[in-house]
Amino acid sequence: MMKFLRGYQMASFNKIILMGNLTRDPELRYAPSGTAICNIDIAVNDGHKKDAEPLYIRIIAFNKQAESCGQYLRKGSGIMAEGRLQISSWDGDGGVKRTRPEVVAQTIQFLSNKGDQPSPMDSNQIDNNDIPF
């Protein structure tokens, strides 16, 4: 099989979808060119392990999407973000190399919070007879 792959470039695909809650208010700023940039930090929990530590991921949004995030999102807001994964690196205190996973957002969907209007998918509004399995 290795002979078959020799000379061929492997295909790659970089797409990630995350759902979580903001750990702090979004940071909206503008580049000198006027481009809006919004940093959004979220916590993502593992739905299968109750005692697992959450993952903390930075989402970066641009342009109109960044402005909407800065205007409507707050600490605790739920979002679903779709984009590409990248690793950011910098020199921290004492010259220690630091890294952090980030998602450059393609789309961000705002999710309703518990205080908002109930969603049609709230568990108290679903009749067990409506579930097809």
C-alpha atoms as a PDB file:
ATOM      1  CA  MET A   1       0.000   0.000   0.000  1.00  0.00           C
ATOM      2  CA  MET A   2       2.864   2.403   0.684  1.00  0.00           C
ATOM      3  CA  LYS A   3       4.005   2.085  -2.920  1.00  0.00           C
ATOM      4  CA  PHE A   4       0.552   3.208  -4.010  1.00  0.00           C
ATOM      5  CA  LEU A   5       0.758   6.367  -1.871  1.00  0.00           C
ATOM      6  CA  ARG A   6       4.290   7.307  -2.899  1.00  0.00           C
ATOM      7  CA  GLY A   7       4.196  10.341  -5.144  1.00  0.00           C
ATOM      8  CA  TYR A   8       0.645  11.287  -4.138  1.00  0.00           C
ATOM      9  CA  GLN A   9      -0.101  14.183  -1.876  1.00  0.00           C
ATOM     10  CA  MET A  10      -2.503  13.354   0.934  1.00  0.00           C
ATOM     11  CA  ALA A  11      -5.696  15.379   0.947  1.00  0.00           C
ATOM     12  CA  SER A  12      -6.343  17.548   3.973  1.00  0.00           C
ATOM     13  CA  PHE A  13      -9.436  19.064   5.510  1.00  0.00           C
ATOM     14  CA  ASN A  14      -9.595  21.568   8.373  1.00  0.00           C
ATOM     15  CA  LYS A  15     -13.096  22.170   9.709  1.00  0.00           C
ATOM     16  CA  ILE A  16     -14.316  22.231  13.284  1.00  0.00           C
ATOM     17  CA  ILE A  17     -17.716  22.747  14.878  1.00  0.00           C
ATOM     18  CA  LEU A  18     -17.912  23.637  18.565  1.00  0.00           C
ATOM     19  CA  MET A  19     -20.774  24.461  20.896  1.00  0.00           C
ATOM     20  CA  GLY A  20     -20.155  26.123  24.237  1.00  0.00           C
ATOM     21  CA  ASN A  21     -20.689  29.109  26.485  1.00  0.00           C
ATOM     22  CA  LEU A  22     -18.724  32.336  26.661  1.00  0.00           C
ATOM     23  CA  THR A  23     -16.381  32.505  29.641  1.00  0.00           C
ATOM     24  CA  ARG A  24     -16.241  36.321  29.477  1.00  0.00           C
ATOM     25  CA  ASP A  25     -17.655  39.190  27.437  1.00  0.00           C
ATOM     26  CA  PRO A  26     -16.425  39.321  23.816  1.00  0.00           C
ATOM     27  CA  GLU A  27     -13.514  41.626  22.917  1.00  0.00           C
ATOM     28  CA  LEU A  28     -14.379  43.721  19.864  1.00  0.00           C
ATOM     29  CA  ARG A  29     -11.633  45.804  18.253  1.00  0.00           C
ATOM     30  CA  TYR A  30     -10.846  47.286  14.882  1.00  0.00           C
ATOM     31  CA  ALA A  31      -7.685  46.821  12.815  1.00  0.00           C
ATOM     32  CA  PRO A  32      -6.088  49.950  11.297  1.00  0.00           C
ATOM     33  CA  SER A  33      -7.729  48.943   7.990  1.00  0.00           C
ATOM     34  CA  GLY A  34     -11.161  49.200   9.665  1.00  0.00           C
ATOM     35  CA  THR A  35     -11.762  45.436   9.819  1.00  0.00           C
ATOM     36  CA  ALA A  36     -13.767  44.428  12.893  1.00  0.00           C
ATOM     37  CA  ILE A  37     -12.169  41.600  14.915  1.00  0.00           C
ATOM     38  CA  CYS A  38     -13.877  39.913  17.847  1.00  0.00           C
ATOM     39  CA  ASN A  39     -12.207  37.468  20.244  1.00  0.00           C
ATOM     40  CA  ILE A  40     -14.662  35.129  21.928  1.00  0.00           C
ATOM     41  CA  ASP A  41     -13.528  32.685  24.613  1.00  0.00           C
ATOM     42  CA  ILE A  42     -15.761  29.661  25.178  1.00  0.00           C
ATOM     43  CA  ALA A  43     -15.796  26.603  27.413  1.00  0.00           C
ATOM     44  CA  VAL A  44     -16.722  23.328  25.726  1.00  0.00           C
ATOM     45  CA  ASN A  45     -17.808  20.443  27.933  1.00  0.00           C
ATOM     46  CA  ASP A  46     -17.482  16.759  27.081  1.00  0.00           C
ATOM     47  CA  GLY A  47     -21.077  15.558  26.954  1.00  0.00           C
ATOM     48  CA  HIS A  48     -20.039  11.971  27.748  1.00  0.00           C
ATOM     49  CA  LYS A  49     -17.886  12.543  30.852  1.00  0.00           C
ATOM     50  CA  LYS A  50     -19.541  14.404  33.696  1.00  0.00           C
ATOM     51  CA  ASP A  51     -16.330  15.048  35.676  1.00  0.00           C
ATOM     52  CA  ALA A  52     -14.157  16.001  32.684  1.00  0.00           C
ATOM     53  CA  GLU A  53     -12.516  19.417  32.664  1.00  0.00           C
ATOM     54  CA  PRO A  54     -13.919  21.717  29.976  1.00  0.00           C
ATOM     55  CA  LEU A  55     -11.817  22.773  27.003  1.00  0.00           C
ATOM     56  CA  TYR A  56     -11.232  26.502  26.696  1.00  0.00           C
ATOM     57  CA  ILE A  57     -11.105  27.655  23.088  1.00  0.00           C
ATOM     58  CA  ARG A  58     -10.792  31.102  21.519  1.00  0.00           C
ATOM     59  CA  ILE A  59     -13.073  31.874  18.563  1.00  0.00           C
ATOM     60  CA  ILE A  60     -12.041  34.723  16.259  1.00  0.00           C
ATOM     61  CA  ALA A  61     -14.710  36.439  14.159  1.00  0.00           C
ATOM     62  CA  PHE A  62     -14.267  39.143  11.526  1.00  0.00           C
ATOM     63  CA  ASN A  63     -16.253  41.942   9.868  1.00  0.00           C
ATOM     64  CA  LYS A  64     -20.070  42.088  10.362  1.00  0.00           C
ATOM     65  CA  GLN A  65     -20.059  38.789  12.243  1.00  0.00           C
ATOM     66  CA  ALA A  66     -17.540  40.261  14.710  1.00  0.00           C
ATOM     67  CA  GLU A  67     -19.685  43.350  15.231  1.00  0.00           C
ATOM     68  CA  SER A  68     -22.811  41.239  15.833  1.00  0.00           C
ATOM     69  CA  CYS A  69     -20.956  39.106  18.374  1.00  0.00           C
ATOM     70  CA  GLY A  70     -19.675  42.202  20.179  1.00  0.00           C
ATOM     71  CA  GLN A  71     -23.165  43.701  20.260  1.00  0.00           C
ATOM     72  CA  TYR A  72     -25.313  40.708  21.237  1.00  0.00           C
ATOM     73  CA  LEU A  73     -23.134  38.219  23.143  1.00  0.00           C
ATOM     74  CA  ARG A  74     -22.185  38.366  26.829  1.00  0.00           C
ATOM     75  CA  LYS A  75     -20.502  36.113  29.360  1.00  0.00           C
ATOM     76  CA  GLY A  76     -22.580  32.914  29.626  1.00  0.00           C
ATOM     77  CA  SER A  77     -24.105  33.231  26.137  1.00  0.00           C
ATOM     78  CA  GLY A  78     -24.282  29.981  24.197  1.00  0.00           C
ATOM     79  CA  ILE A  79     -22.917  29.748  20.666  1.00  0.00           C
ATOM     80  CA  MET A  80     -22.189  27.204  17.987  1.00  0.00           C
ATOM     81  CA  ALA A  81     -19.133  28.109  15.923  1.00  0.00           C
ATOM     82  CA  GLU A  82     -17.961  26.563  12.676  1.00  0.00           C
ATOM     83  CA  GLY A  83     -14.575  27.346  11.187  1.00  0.00           C
ATOM     84  CA  ARG A  84     -10.984  26.230  10.815  1.00  0.00           C
ATOM     85  CA  LEU A  85      -8.626  25.274  13.618  1.00  0.00           C
ATOM     86  CA  GLN A  86      -5.270  26.971  14.062  1.00  0.00           C
ATOM     87  CA  ILE A  87      -2.660  27.061  16.818  1.00  0.00           C
ATOM     88  CA  SER A  88      -1.525  30.470  18.033  1.00  0.00           C
ATOM     89  CA  SER A  89       1.893  30.757  19.687  1.00  0.00           C
ATOM     90  CA  TRP A  90       3.702  33.550  21.529  1.00  0.00           C
ATOM     91  CA  ASP A  91       6.461  34.109  24.084  1.00  0.00           C
ATOM     92  CA  GLY A  92       4.992  34.343  27.564  1.00  0.00           C
ATOM     93  CA  ASP A  93       6.472  35.545  30.848  1.00  0.00           C
ATOM     94  CA  GLY A  94      10.120  34.595  31.258  1.00  0.00           C
ATOM     95  CA  GLY A  95      10.449  33.746  27.559  1.00  0.00           C
ATOM     96  CA  VAL A  96       8.342  30.596  27.920  1.00  0.00           C
ATOM     97  CA  LYS A  97       6.766  29.538  24.607  1.00  0.00           C
ATOM     98  CA  ARG A  98       2.952  29.432  24.932  1.00  0.00           C
ATOM     99  CA  THR A  99       0.361  27.992  22.558  1.00  0.00           C
ATOM    100  CA  ARG A 100      -3.423  28.057  22.348  1.00  0.00           C
ATOM    101  CA  PRO A 101      -5.916  26.452  19.958  1.00  0.00           C
ATOM    102  CA  GLU A 102      -8.103  28.962  18.136  1.00  0.00           C
ATOM    103  CA  VAL A 103     -10.951  28.713  15.663  1.00  0.00           C
ATOM    104  CA  VAL A 104     -11.182  31.247  12.847  1.00  0.00           C
ATOM    105  CA  ALA A 105     -14.950  31.426  12.533  1.00  0.00           C
ATOM    106  CA  GLN A 106     -16.745  30.949   9.269  1.00  0.00           C
ATOM    107  CA  THR A 107     -20.175  31.065  10.934  1.00  0.00           C
ATOM    108  CA  ILE A 108     -21.364  31.675  14.484  1.00  0.00           C
ATOM    109  CA  GLN A 109     -24.873  30.798  15.552  1.00  0.00           C
ATOM    110  CA  PHE A 110     -26.270  32.378  18.722  1.00  0.00           C
ATOM    111  CA  LEU A 111     -28.041  29.898  21.003  1.00  0.00           C
ATOM    112  CA  SER A 112     -30.809  30.880  23.385  1.00  0.00           C
ATOM    113  CA  ASN A 113     -30.056  31.156  27.085  1.00  0.00           C
ATOM    114  CA  LYS A 114     -32.255  29.752  29.826  1.00  0.00           C
ATOM    115  CA  GLY A 115     -33.732  33.219  30.498  1.00  0.00           C
ATOM    116  CA  ASP A 116     -34.712  33.716  26.861  1.00  0.00           C
ATOM    117  CA  GLN A 117     -37.891  32.535  25.174  1.00  0.00           C
ATOM    118  CA  PRO A 118     -38.199  28.739  25.322  1.00  0.00           C
ATOM    119  CA  SER A 119     -36.966  26.879  22.279  1.00  0.00           C
ATOM    120  CA  PRO A 120     -39.317  24.450  20.527  1.00  0.00           C
ATOM    121  CA  MET A 121     -36.723  21.799  21.330  1.00  0.00           C
ATOM    122  CA  ASP A 122     -36.927  22.296  25.125  1.00  0.00           C
ATOM    123  CA  SER A 123     -37.492  18.906  26.734  1.00  0.00           C
ATOM    124  CA  ASN A 124     -40.718  19.985  28.413  1.00  0.00           C
ATOM    125  CA  GLN A 125     -42.287  20.738  25.014  1.00  0.00           C
ATOM    126  CA  ILE A 126     -41.461  17.439  23.291  1.00  0.00           C
ATOM    127  CA  ASP A 127     -44.081  14.726  23.335  1.00  0.00           C
ATOM    128  CA  ASN A 128     -42.560  11.236  23.537  1.00  0.00           C
ATOM    129  CA  ASN A 129     -44.949  10.174  20.759  1.00  0.00           C
ATOM    130  CA  ASP A 130     -43.214  12.677  18.425  1.00  0.00           C
ATOM    131  CA  ILE A 131     -39.834  10.939  18.738  1.00  0.00           C
ATOM    132  CA  PRO A 132     -39.392   8.517  15.801  1.00  0.00           C
ATOM    133  CA  PHE A 133     -37.220   5.959  17.664  1.00  0.00           C
END
